C-alpha atoms as a PDB file:
ATOM      1  CA  MET A   1      25.219  17.538 -28.959  1.00  0.00           C
ATOM      2  CA  PRO A   2      24.884  14.506 -31.264  1.00  0.00           C
ATOM      3  CA  ILE A   3      22.243  11.878 -30.525  1.00  0.00           C
ATOM      4  CA  ASP A   4      23.552   8.408 -29.731  1.00  0.00           C
ATOM      5  CA  PRO A   5      21.801   6.123 -32.237  1.00  0.00           C
ATOM      6  CA  TYR A   6      22.160   3.064 -30.020  1.00  0.00           C
ATOM      7  CA  ALA A   7      20.566   4.851 -27.046  1.00  0.00           C
ATOM      8  CA  ALA A   8      17.708   6.010 -29.271  1.00  0.00           C
ATOM      9  CA  LEU A   9      17.206   2.496 -30.639  1.00  0.00           C
ATOM     10  CA  ASN A  10      17.286   1.064 -27.137  1.00  0.00           C
ATOM     11  CA  ALA A  11      14.648   3.568 -25.993  1.00  0.00           C
ATOM     12  CA  MET A  12      12.413   2.781 -28.953  1.00  0.00           C
ATOM     13  CA  LEU A  13      12.701  -0.978 -28.368  1.00  0.00           C
ATOM     14  CA  ARG A  14      11.927  -0.592 -24.668  1.00  0.00           C
ATOM     15  CA  ALA A  15       8.883   1.538 -25.422  1.00  0.00           C
ATOM     16  CA  GLU A  16       7.605  -0.978 -27.980  1.00  0.00           C
ATOM     17  CA  ALA A  17       8.195  -3.899 -25.612  1.00  0.00           C
ATOM     18  CA  ALA A  18       6.351  -2.093 -22.817  1.00  0.00           C
ATOM     19  CA  ARG A  19       3.448  -1.365 -25.181  1.00  0.00           C
ATOM     20  CA  VAL A  20       3.121  -4.966 -26.391  1.00  0.00           C
ATOM     21  CA  THR A  21       3.875  -6.873 -23.174  1.00  0.00           C
ATOM     22  CA  PRO A  22       0.776  -7.506 -21.011  1.00  0.00           C
ATOM     23  CA  PRO A  23       1.024  -6.380 -17.379  1.00  0.00           C
ATOM     24  CA  ALA A  24       2.236  -9.004 -14.924  1.00  0.00           C
ATOM     25  CA  ARG A  25      -0.480 -10.605 -12.797  1.00  0.00           C
ATOM     26  CA  LYS A  26      -0.108 -11.495  -9.151  1.00  0.00           C
ATOM     27  CA  ALA A  27      -0.929 -15.062  -8.108  1.00  0.00           C
ATOM     28  CA  GLN A  28      -3.108 -13.924  -5.198  1.00  0.00           C
ATOM     29  CA  PRO A  29      -4.238 -10.458  -4.178  1.00  0.00           C
ATOM     30  CA  ALA A  30      -2.332  -9.155  -1.202  1.00  0.00           C
ATOM     31  CA  ALA A  31      -4.295  -9.381   2.034  1.00  0.00           C
ATOM     32  CA  PRO A  32      -4.557  -6.152   4.036  1.00  0.00           C
ATOM     33  CA  PRO A  33      -2.039  -6.081   6.866  1.00  0.00           C
ATOM     34  CA  THR A  34      -3.499  -7.049  10.218  1.00  0.00           C
ATOM     35  CA  VAL A  35      -2.678  -4.996  13.287  1.00  0.00           C
ATOM     36  CA  PRO A  36      -2.251  -6.927  16.529  1.00  0.00           C
ATOM     37  CA  ASP A  37      -4.248  -5.608  19.482  1.00  0.00           C
ATOM     38  CA  ALA A  38      -1.059  -4.762  21.387  1.00  0.00           C
ATOM     39  CA  ALA A  39       0.037  -2.395  18.620  1.00  0.00           C
ATOM     40  CA  VAL A  40      -3.190  -0.365  18.737  1.00  0.00           C
ATOM     41  CA  GLU A  41      -2.709   2.962  20.477  1.00  0.00           C
ATOM     42  CA  PRO A  42      -4.664   3.316  23.732  1.00  0.00           C
ATOM     43  CA  GLU A  43      -7.389   5.909  23.913  1.00  0.00           C
ATOM     44  CA  SER A  44      -6.434   9.273  25.372  1.00  0.00           C
ATOM     45  CA  GLU A  45      -9.376   9.260  27.804  1.00  0.00           C
ATOM     46  CA  PRO A  46     -10.224   6.095  29.741  1.00  0.00           C
ATOM     47  CA  LYS A  47     -13.814   4.977  29.440  1.00  0.00           C
ATOM     48  CA  ARG A  48     -15.857   6.007  32.445  1.00  0.00           C
ATOM     49  CA  THR A  49     -18.856   4.078  33.660  1.00  0.00           C
ATOM     50  CA  ALA A  50     -21.849   5.671  35.304  1.00  0.00           C
ATOM     51  CA  PRO A  51     -21.570   5.751  39.117  1.00  0.00           C
ATOM     52  CA  ALA A  52     -23.708   3.270  41.006  1.00  0.00           C
ATOM     53  CA  ASP A  53     -26.868   4.754  42.509  1.00  0.00           C
ATOM     54  CA  SER A  54     -26.270   4.493  46.267  1.00  0.00           C
ATOM     55  CA  ALA A  55     -29.574   6.184  47.219  1.00  0.00           C
ATOM     56  CA  ALA A  56     -31.690   3.222  46.134  1.00  0.00           C
END
């Protein structure tokens, strides 16, 4: 199968451009996504408080 010279040239130019071009910088770092309290899954076991001491 013959090699397409234009495809080879295109690949070489893209590789050279990627090597020379500095990586793009973001204006601001992305903040971590916040989770609203309503979206938090409830606990499987409800919290239990100690029973009041009725003997005292």
